[in-house]
Amino acid sequence: MKASERRLLTILVVLALVAGSAILCQFLLGKQRLIERREETLSLRQVEADAMLADKDLWHARQTWLQSAQPSMTSESQASNELLDTLVAAAAKNDLVVQKRALQEPVTRPFYREVGVSLTLKGQFPAMFRWLHEMLDPAEFRAISFLKIIPDEADKSAVVCTVHFSRFYAPATAATPPKEAPES
């Protein structure tokens, strides 16, 4: 082999090593970025898990309260009528006029049962908000899923409110409390 051939072979080997090193370096940098992303994701999940564990007692207390305080439903029609009667009586007490009323379809989910009522009322603005505030007592398990308040066209001092109230009941299978996760 001539000296020039040896130099060319050496240059070719060096270039192959440099190109191979560059390709290997790119591959390893990609792997490193992937590992860093996984590490960041795991550290964020660890922070979330630690925060959840720190709030464990609060959530156990809420679960206990919910199981003891959430009402049970005897029948959907009776529960819907009770909700309607309660809302209409409170509206009358606040000098609100019920213009329309309708029962909504009951909903059953794994963790609750829901009945609903749609009302359209007319009355003075402060009385309307006082009534809404009275009806949203957390201990009564009532919620508003839709609310629209507009000024009355005939009486500018009054408002017309369309509201969908829901009341939440314990699920049908709530007689047995859920098992708690083992402490670790």
C-alpha atoms as a PDB file:
ATOM      1  CA  MET A   1       0.000   0.000   0.000  1.00  0.00           C
ATOM      2  CA  LYS A   2       1.343   3.373  -0.957  1.00  0.00           C
ATOM      3  CA  ALA A   3       1.659   6.270   1.451  1.00  0.00           C
ATOM      4  CA  SER A   4      -1.050   8.234  -0.381  1.00  0.00           C
ATOM      5  CA  GLU A   5      -3.425   5.269  -0.161  1.00  0.00           C
ATOM      6  CA  ARG A   6      -2.672   4.964   3.562  1.00  0.00           C
ATOM      7  CA  ARG A   7      -3.442   8.665   4.047  1.00  0.00           C
ATOM      8  CA  LEU A   8      -6.715   8.339   2.136  1.00  0.00           C
ATOM      9  CA  LEU A   9      -7.668   5.246   4.137  1.00  0.00           C
ATOM     10  CA  THR A  10      -6.822   7.068   7.389  1.00  0.00           C
ATOM     11  CA  ILE A  11      -8.893  10.092   6.322  1.00  0.00           C
ATOM     12  CA  LEU A  12     -11.787   7.782   5.354  1.00  0.00           C
ATOM     13  CA  VAL A  13     -11.646   5.986   8.729  1.00  0.00           C
ATOM     14  CA  VAL A  14     -11.452   9.322  10.602  1.00  0.00           C
ATOM     15  CA  LEU A  15     -14.411  10.702   8.625  1.00  0.00           C
ATOM     16  CA  ALA A  16     -16.403   7.513   9.269  1.00  0.00           C
ATOM     17  CA  LEU A  17     -15.608   7.758  12.989  1.00  0.00           C
ATOM     18  CA  VAL A  18     -16.611  11.458  13.066  1.00  0.00           C
ATOM     19  CA  ALA A  19     -19.856  10.776  11.170  1.00  0.00           C
ATOM     20  CA  GLY A  20     -20.621   7.752  13.377  1.00  0.00           C
ATOM     21  CA  SER A  21     -19.873   9.790  16.489  1.00  0.00           C
ATOM     22  CA  ALA A  22     -22.167  12.594  15.295  1.00  0.00           C
ATOM     23  CA  ILE A  23     -25.013  10.141  14.608  1.00  0.00           C
ATOM     24  CA  LEU A  24     -24.479   8.409  17.955  1.00  0.00           C
ATOM     25  CA  CYS A  25     -24.340  11.799  19.723  1.00  0.00           C
ATOM     26  CA  GLN A  26     -27.677  12.880  18.155  1.00  0.00           C
ATOM     27  CA  PHE A  27     -29.252   9.571  19.182  1.00  0.00           C
ATOM     28  CA  LEU A  28     -27.977   9.862  22.754  1.00  0.00           C
ATOM     29  CA  LEU A  29     -29.090  13.523  23.031  1.00  0.00           C
ATOM     30  CA  GLY A  30     -32.585  12.510  21.927  1.00  0.00           C
ATOM     31  CA  LYS A  31     -32.634   9.762  24.550  1.00  0.00           C
ATOM     32  CA  GLN A  32     -31.424  12.242  27.187  1.00  0.00           C
ATOM     33  CA  ARG A  33     -34.220  14.715  26.299  1.00  0.00           C
ATOM     34  CA  LEU A  34     -36.774  11.908  26.535  1.00  0.00           C
ATOM     35  CA  ILE A  35     -35.457  10.875  29.955  1.00  0.00           C
ATOM     36  CA  GLU A  36     -35.492  14.502  31.160  1.00  0.00           C
ATOM     37  CA  ARG A  37     -39.128  14.909  30.018  1.00  0.00           C
ATOM     38  CA  ARG A  38     -40.088  11.704  31.809  1.00  0.00           C
ATOM     39  CA  GLU A  39     -38.268  12.859  34.934  1.00  0.00           C
ATOM     40  CA  GLU A  40     -40.076  16.223  34.831  1.00  0.00           C
ATOM     41  CA  THR A  41     -43.433  14.507  34.362  1.00  0.00           C
ATOM     42  CA  LEU A  42     -42.733  12.150  37.241  1.00  0.00           C
ATOM     43  CA  SER A  43     -41.637  14.986  39.508  1.00  0.00           C
ATOM     44  CA  LEU A  44     -44.870  16.895  38.709  1.00  0.00           C
ATOM     45  CA  ARG A  45     -46.908  13.769  39.436  1.00  0.00           C
ATOM     46  CA  GLN A  46     -45.011  13.376  42.716  1.00  0.00           C
ATOM     47  CA  VAL A  47     -45.851  16.963  43.701  1.00  0.00           C
ATOM     48  CA  GLU A  48     -49.528  16.359  42.854  1.00  0.00           C
ATOM     49  CA  ALA A  49     -49.564  13.105  44.805  1.00  0.00           C
ATOM     50  CA  ASP A  50     -47.949  14.780  47.822  1.00  0.00           C
ATOM     51  CA  ALA A  51     -50.549  17.580  47.679  1.00  0.00           C
ATOM     52  CA  MET A  52     -53.358  15.036  47.494  1.00  0.00           C
ATOM     53  CA  LEU A  53     -51.958  13.087  50.419  1.00  0.00           C
ATOM     54  CA  ALA A  54     -51.666  16.294  52.422  1.00  0.00           C
ATOM     55  CA  ASP A  55     -55.412  16.906  51.823  1.00  0.00           C
ATOM     56  CA  LYS A  56     -56.383  13.303  52.642  1.00  0.00           C
ATOM     57  CA  ASP A  57     -57.983  14.125  56.006  1.00  0.00           C
ATOM     58  CA  LEU A  58     -60.012  16.969  54.486  1.00  0.00           C
ATOM     59  CA  TRP A  59     -61.383  14.702  51.746  1.00  0.00           C
ATOM     60  CA  HIS A  60     -62.150  11.916  54.218  1.00  0.00           C
ATOM     61  CA  ALA A  61     -64.074  14.424  56.350  1.00  0.00           C
ATOM     62  CA  ARG A  62     -65.973  15.618  53.264  1.00  0.00           C
ATOM     63  CA  GLN A  63     -66.782  12.046  52.269  1.00  0.00           C
ATOM     64  CA  THR A  64     -68.044  11.279  55.772  1.00  0.00           C
ATOM     65  CA  TRP A  65     -70.195  14.433  55.769  1.00  0.00           C
ATOM     66  CA  LEU A  66     -71.553  13.615  52.326  1.00  0.00           C
ATOM     67  CA  GLN A  67     -72.476  10.069  53.310  1.00  0.00           C
ATOM     68  CA  SER A  68     -74.203  11.233  56.477  1.00  0.00           C
ATOM     69  CA  ALA A  69     -75.891  14.403  55.162  1.00  0.00           C
ATOM     70  CA  GLN A  70     -76.910  13.683  51.568  1.00  0.00           C
ATOM     71  CA  PRO A  71     -80.617  12.845  51.464  1.00  0.00           C
ATOM     72  CA  SER A  72     -81.952   9.576  50.090  1.00  0.00           C
ATOM     73  CA  MET A  73     -84.641   9.555  47.440  1.00  0.00           C
ATOM     74  CA  THR A  74     -87.786   7.531  47.977  1.00  0.00           C
ATOM     75  CA  SER A  75     -89.232   8.136  44.514  1.00  0.00           C
ATOM     76  CA  GLU A  76     -88.221  10.420  41.673  1.00  0.00           C
ATOM     77  CA  SER A  77     -91.661  11.965  41.257  1.00  0.00           C
ATOM     78  CA  GLN A  78     -91.986  12.676  44.983  1.00  0.00           C
ATOM     79  CA  ALA A  79     -88.493  14.220  45.074  1.00  0.00           C
ATOM     80  CA  SER A  80     -89.246  16.382  42.022  1.00  0.00           C
ATOM     81  CA  ASN A  81     -92.531  17.586  43.510  1.00  0.00           C
ATOM     82  CA  GLU A  82     -90.887  18.354  46.871  1.00  0.00           C
ATOM     83  CA  LEU A  83     -88.225  20.427  45.117  1.00  0.00           C
ATOM     84  CA  LEU A  84     -90.875  22.275  43.100  1.00  0.00           C
ATOM     85  CA  ASP A  85     -93.024  22.930  46.175  1.00  0.00           C
ATOM     86  CA  THR A  86     -90.018  24.204  48.167  1.00  0.00           C
ATOM     87  CA  LEU A  87     -88.947  26.578  45.395  1.00  0.00           C
ATOM     88  CA  VAL A  88     -92.460  27.903  44.746  1.00  0.00           C
ATOM     89  CA  ALA A  89     -93.167  28.438  48.465  1.00  0.00           C
ATOM     90  CA  ALA A  90     -89.902  30.334  48.945  1.00  0.00           C
ATOM     91  CA  ALA A  91     -90.614  32.405  45.816  1.00  0.00           C
ATOM     92  CA  ALA A  92     -94.054  33.365  47.161  1.00  0.00           C
ATOM     93  CA  LYS A  93     -92.468  34.313  50.501  1.00  0.00           C
ATOM     94  CA  ASN A  94     -90.148  36.698  48.591  1.00  0.00           C
ATOM     95  CA  ASP A  95     -93.041  38.216  46.568  1.00  0.00           C
ATOM     96  CA  LEU A  96     -91.998  36.559  43.319  1.00  0.00           C
ATOM     97  CA  VAL A  97     -94.569  35.444  40.772  1.00  0.00           C
ATOM     98  CA  VAL A  98     -94.030  32.039  39.162  1.00  0.00           C
ATOM     99  CA  GLN A  99     -94.896  32.348  35.467  1.00  0.00           C
ATOM    100  CA  LYS A 100     -93.799  28.900  34.222  1.00  0.00           C
ATOM    101  CA  ARG A 101     -92.780  25.678  35.901  1.00  0.00           C
ATOM    102  CA  ALA A 102     -91.595  22.367  34.513  1.00  0.00           C
ATOM    103  CA  LEU A 103     -90.064  19.213  35.927  1.00  0.00           C
ATOM    104  CA  GLN A 104     -86.870  17.977  34.304  1.00  0.00           C
ATOM    105  CA  GLU A 105     -86.000  14.359  33.614  1.00  0.00           C
ATOM    106  CA  PRO A 106     -84.347  12.675  36.608  1.00  0.00           C
ATOM    107  CA  VAL A 107     -80.711  11.678  36.118  1.00  0.00           C
ATOM    108  CA  THR A 108     -78.978   8.696  37.694  1.00  0.00           C
ATOM    109  CA  ARG A 109     -75.185   8.579  37.897  1.00  0.00           C
ATOM    110  CA  PRO A 110     -72.881   6.226  39.824  1.00  0.00           C
ATOM    111  CA  PHE A 111     -72.349   8.669  42.701  1.00  0.00           C
ATOM    112  CA  TYR A 112     -75.624  10.604  42.833  1.00  0.00           C
ATOM    113  CA  ARG A 113     -79.203  10.862  41.637  1.00  0.00           C
ATOM    114  CA  GLU A 114     -80.558  14.194  40.433  1.00  0.00           C
ATOM    115  CA  VAL A 115     -83.997  15.701  39.996  1.00  0.00           C
ATOM    116  CA  GLY A 116     -84.579  19.089  38.418  1.00  0.00           C
ATOM    117  CA  VAL A 117     -87.102  21.878  38.081  1.00  0.00           C
ATOM    118  CA  SER A 118     -87.233  24.765  35.588  1.00  0.00           C
ATOM    119  CA  LEU A 119     -88.936  27.959  36.701  1.00  0.00           C
ATOM    120  CA  THR A 120     -89.612  31.339  35.164  1.00  0.00           C
ATOM    121  CA  LEU A 121     -90.274  33.986  37.811  1.00  0.00           C
ATOM    122  CA  LYS A 122     -91.006  37.694  37.854  1.00  0.00           C
ATOM    123  CA  GLY A 123     -90.235  40.073  40.679  1.00  0.00           C
ATOM    124  CA  GLN A 124     -88.069  42.809  42.091  1.00  0.00           C
ATOM    125  CA  PHE A 125     -84.325  42.486  41.547  1.00  0.00           C
ATOM    126  CA  PRO A 126     -83.264  42.383  45.258  1.00  0.00           C
ATOM    127  CA  ALA A 127     -86.008  39.889  46.103  1.00  0.00           C
ATOM    128  CA  MET A 128     -84.945  37.662  43.210  1.00  0.00           C
ATOM    129  CA  PHE A 129     -81.347  37.497  44.414  1.00  0.00           C
ATOM    130  CA  ARG A 130     -82.426  37.015  48.026  1.00  0.00           C
ATOM    131  CA  TRP A 131     -84.540  34.032  46.901  1.00  0.00           C
ATOM    132  CA  LEU A 132     -81.683  32.596  44.804  1.00  0.00           C
ATOM    133  CA  HIS A 133     -79.312  32.947  47.750  1.00  0.00           C
ATOM    134  CA  GLU A 134     -81.744  31.236  50.130  1.00  0.00           C
ATOM    135  CA  MET A 135     -82.233  28.320  47.749  1.00  0.00           C
ATOM    136  CA  LEU A 136     -78.503  27.604  47.384  1.00  0.00           C
ATOM    137  CA  ASP A 137     -77.824  26.337  50.899  1.00  0.00           C
ATOM    138  CA  PRO A 138     -75.117  23.622  50.517  1.00  0.00           C
ATOM    139  CA  ALA A 139     -76.761  21.451  53.162  1.00  0.00           C
ATOM    140  CA  GLU A 140     -79.840  21.157  50.924  1.00  0.00           C
ATOM    141  CA  PHE A 141     -77.818  19.760  47.973  1.00  0.00           C
ATOM    142  CA  ARG A 142     -79.404  22.148  45.482  1.00  0.00           C
ATOM    143  CA  ALA A 143     -77.591  23.708  42.547  1.00  0.00           C
ATOM    144  CA  ILE A 144     -78.383  26.000  39.632  1.00  0.00           C
ATOM    145  CA  SER A 145     -77.501  24.570  36.234  1.00  0.00           C
ATOM    146  CA  PHE A 146     -78.937  27.460  34.183  1.00  0.00           C
ATOM    147  CA  LEU A 147     -79.720  31.058  35.079  1.00  0.00           C
ATOM    148  CA  LYS A 148     -80.953  33.897  32.885  1.00  0.00           C
ATOM    149  CA  ILE A 149     -82.109  37.230  34.311  1.00  0.00           C
ATOM    150  CA  ILE A 150     -83.484  39.944  32.039  1.00  0.00           C
ATOM    151  CA  PRO A 151     -85.356  43.187  32.752  1.00  0.00           C
ATOM    152  CA  ASP A 152     -89.115  42.939  32.409  1.00  0.00           C
ATOM    153  CA  GLU A 153     -90.362  44.829  29.365  1.00  0.00           C
ATOM    154  CA  ALA A 154     -93.652  45.874  30.963  1.00  0.00           C
ATOM    155  CA  ASP A 155     -92.305  46.838  34.403  1.00  0.00           C
ATOM    156  CA  LYS A 156     -88.785  48.313  34.301  1.00  0.00           C
ATOM    157  CA  SER A 157     -88.368  47.912  38.079  1.00  0.00           C
ATOM    158  CA  ALA A 158     -88.854  44.140  37.833  1.00  0.00           C
ATOM    159  CA  VAL A 159     -86.817  41.317  36.329  1.00  0.00           C
ATOM    160  CA  VAL A 160     -87.727  38.007  34.739  1.00  0.00           C
ATOM    161  CA  CYS A 161     -85.611  35.060  35.826  1.00  0.00           C
ATOM    162  CA  THR A 162     -85.407  31.684  34.130  1.00  0.00           C
ATOM    163  CA  VAL A 163     -83.647  29.178  36.354  1.00  0.00           C
ATOM    164  CA  HIS A 164     -83.000  25.430  36.329  1.00  0.00           C
ATOM    165  CA  PHE A 165     -82.581  24.036  39.837  1.00  0.00           C
ATOM    166  CA  SER A 166     -81.258  20.563  40.535  1.00  0.00           C
ATOM    167  CA  ARG A 167     -81.235  18.642  43.789  1.00  0.00           C
ATOM    168  CA  PHE A 168     -78.791  15.820  44.364  1.00  0.00           C
ATOM    169  CA  TYR A 169     -79.608  12.650  46.265  1.00  0.00           C
ATOM    170  CA  ALA A 170     -77.523   9.730  47.442  1.00  0.00           C
ATOM    171  CA  PRO A 171     -77.131   6.967  44.862  1.00  0.00           C
ATOM    172  CA  ALA A 172     -79.420   3.970  45.093  1.00  0.00           C
ATOM    173  CA  THR A 173     -76.523   1.732  46.163  1.00  0.00           C
ATOM    174  CA  ALA A 174     -75.277   4.092  48.872  1.00  0.00           C
ATOM    175  CA  ALA A 175     -76.490   1.852  51.683  1.00  0.00           C
ATOM    176  CA  THR A 176     -73.020   0.300  51.948  1.00  0.00           C
ATOM    177  CA  PRO A 177     -70.190   2.819  52.343  1.00  0.00           C
ATOM    178  CA  PRO A 178     -67.259   2.423  49.931  1.00  0.00           C
ATOM    179  CA  LYS A 179     -64.186   0.602  51.175  1.00  0.00           C
ATOM    180  CA  GLU A 180     -61.276   2.809  52.095  1.00  0.00           C
ATOM    181  CA  ALA A 181     -57.886   2.305  50.517  1.00  0.00           C
ATOM    182  CA  PRO A 182     -55.354   0.597  52.776  1.00  0.00           C
ATOM    183  CA  GLU A 183     -52.909   2.884  54.551  1.00  0.00           C
ATOM    184  CA  SER A 184     -49.336   2.588  53.359  1.00  0.00           C
END
